[in-house]
Protein backbone atom coordinates (compact mmCIF):
# COMPACT_ATOMS: atom_id res chain seq x y z
CA MET A 1 29.60 -3.53 25.98
CA LYS A 2 27.32 -0.77 27.19
CA MET A 3 29.22 1.68 25.03
CA LEU A 4 28.74 -0.51 21.93
CA ALA A 5 25.02 -0.91 22.65
CA THR A 6 24.68 2.84 23.13
CA CYS A 7 26.44 3.53 19.84
CA VAL A 8 24.27 1.05 17.95
CA LEU A 9 21.12 2.47 19.52
CA THR A 10 22.21 6.01 18.64
CA LEU A 11 22.95 5.05 15.03
CA CYS A 12 19.57 3.33 14.73
CA THR A 13 17.84 6.40 16.14
CA PHE A 14 19.58 8.70 13.65
CA ALA A 15 18.74 6.34 10.82
CA MET A 16 15.08 6.23 11.82
CA VAL A 17 14.85 10.01 12.14
CA GLY A 18 16.49 10.41 8.74
CA CYS A 19 13.91 8.08 7.15
CA ASP A 20 10.88 10.01 8.32
CA GLU A 21 9.11 11.77 5.51
CA SER A 22 8.63 15.47 5.83
CA ALA A 23 5.21 17.03 5.56
CA LEU A 24 5.98 18.11 2.00
CA ASP A 25 7.04 14.58 1.06
CA GLN A 26 3.79 13.26 2.48
CA GLU A 27 1.82 15.91 0.59
CA ALA A 28 3.68 15.00 -2.61
CA ASP A 29 2.78 11.33 -2.10
CA ALA A 30 -0.85 12.29 -1.50
CA ILE A 31 -0.87 14.31 -4.72
CA ARG A 32 0.54 11.34 -6.63
CA ASP A 33 -2.07 9.02 -5.12
CA THR A 34 -4.91 11.41 -5.88
CA THR A 35 -3.87 12.07 -9.45
CA GLN A 36 -3.32 8.36 -10.06
CA GLN A 37 -6.85 7.66 -8.84
CA GLN A 38 -8.24 10.44 -11.03
CA ALA A 39 -6.35 9.08 -14.04
CA ASP A 40 -7.63 5.58 -13.34
CA ASP A 41 -11.19 6.92 -13.12
CA VAL A 42 -10.78 8.68 -16.48
CA ARG A 43 -9.43 5.50 -18.06
CA ASP A 44 -12.28 3.44 -16.63
CA ALA A 45 -14.88 5.92 -17.84
CA SER A 46 -13.45 6.08 -21.36
CA GLN A 47 -13.21 2.28 -21.46
CA SER A 48 -16.84 1.94 -20.37
CA SER A 49 -17.97 4.53 -22.89
CA ALA A 50 -16.04 2.79 -25.65
CA GLU A 51 -17.56 -0.57 -24.77
CA ALA A 52 -21.03 0.96 -24.77
CA THR A 53 -20.36 2.41 -28.22
CA ARG A 54 -19.16 -0.96 -29.51
CA ASP A 55 -22.19 -2.74 -28.05
CA ALA A 56 -24.60 -0.20 -29.51
CA SER A 57 -23.12 -0.44 -32.99
CA GLN A 58 -23.09 -4.24 -32.88
CA ASN A 59 -26.70 -4.30 -31.73
CA ALA A 60 -27.73 -1.88 -34.48
CA ALA A 61 -25.91 -3.97 -37.08
CA GLU A 62 -27.48 -7.20 -35.81
CA ASN A 63 -30.95 -5.64 -35.79
CA LEU A 64 -30.47 -4.56 -39.41
CA ARG A 65 -29.40 -8.08 -40.38
CA GLU A 66 -32.38 -9.62 -38.60
CA ARG A 67 -34.86 -7.25 -40.27
CA THR A 68 -33.68 -8.39 -43.70
CA ASP A 69 -33.58 -12.14 -43.04
CA ASP A 70 -36.64 -12.76 -45.22
CA ALA A 71 -35.71 -10.27 -47.92
CA SER A 72 -34.21 -10.99 -51.30
CA ASP A 73 -30.52 -11.78 -51.66
CA ALA A 74 -29.78 -8.33 -53.06
CA VAL A 75 -31.48 -6.63 -50.08
CA GLN A 76 -29.67 -8.95 -47.64
CA ASP A 77 -26.33 -8.20 -49.29
CA ALA A 78 -26.97 -4.45 -49.09
CA ALA A 79 -28.05 -4.80 -45.45
CA GLU A 80 -24.93 -6.84 -44.65
CA ALA A 81 -22.72 -4.17 -46.18
CA LYS A 82 -24.57 -1.47 -44.21
CA ALA A 83 -24.32 -3.53 -41.00
CA ASP A 84 -20.59 -3.98 -41.51
CA SER A 85 -20.25 -0.24 -42.03
CA ILE A 86 -22.19 0.44 -38.82
CA GLU A 87 -19.87 -1.87 -36.90
CA ASP A 88 -16.75 -0.31 -38.42
CA ILE A 89 -17.89 3.21 -37.59
CA GLY A 90 -18.77 2.14 -34.04
CA GLU A 91 -15.34 0.56 -33.61
CA MET A 92 -13.60 3.71 -34.85
CA LYS A 93 -15.64 5.88 -32.47
CA ALA A 94 -14.89 3.53 -29.58
CA ASP A 95 -11.17 3.51 -30.36
CA LYS A 96 -11.16 7.31 -30.47
CA LYS A 97 -12.85 7.47 -27.06
CA GLU A 98 -10.17 5.21 -25.63
CA VAL A 99 -7.34 7.28 -27.12
CA VAL A 100 -8.84 10.55 -25.86
CA GLY A 101 -9.37 9.04 -22.39
CA GLU A 102 -5.80 7.73 -22.26
CA LYS A 103 -4.37 11.10 -23.29
CA LYS A 104 -6.47 12.87 -20.65
CA ALA A 105 -5.41 10.37 -17.99
CA ASP A 106 -1.75 10.75 -18.96
CA ALA A 107 -2.07 14.54 -18.74
CA ILE A 108 -3.58 14.24 -15.25
CA GLU A 109 -0.72 11.97 -14.15
CA ASP A 110 1.91 14.27 -15.65
CA ALA A 111 0.45 17.35 -13.95
CA GLY A 112 0.26 15.57 -10.60
CA GLU A 113 3.80 14.26 -10.90
CA ALA A 114 5.09 17.74 -11.77
CA LYS A 115 3.30 19.25 -8.78
CA ALA A 116 4.59 16.52 -6.46
CA ASP A 117 8.13 16.88 -7.80
CA ALA A 118 7.98 20.65 -7.25
CA LEU A 119 6.96 20.11 -3.62
CA GLU A 120 9.80 17.66 -3.07
CA GLU A 121 12.22 20.08 -4.69
CA VAL A 122 11.15 22.82 -2.28
CA ASP A 123 11.59 20.38 0.59
CA ASN A 124 15.11 19.43 -0.51
CA GLN A 125 16.30 23.04 -0.61
């Protein structure tokens, strides 16, 4: 019985030692965590900037509509067309900001993953 318990304890010890991450594995994980946070920050910033752009264009369009409320139908129609154009341009700019932010965030993640993978590769050799 003692022999069986000793064998089980020995196997558990070897298993636990084998599961410990090396310093390079830990550094690789830290790199992944850091680059993920940086990418998330970039995404959040581009999202906020895009929303600000959308809000600004919608406000500008609404202000234009309000200024022409008492004008003739022709002036109101022209103002409505201009307001729609302002909103469309704002939406395009906002979409572009989101795309650029997403590409930048993806590049940050890819670079971090490559660096982390390289560290793990060195550790496995």
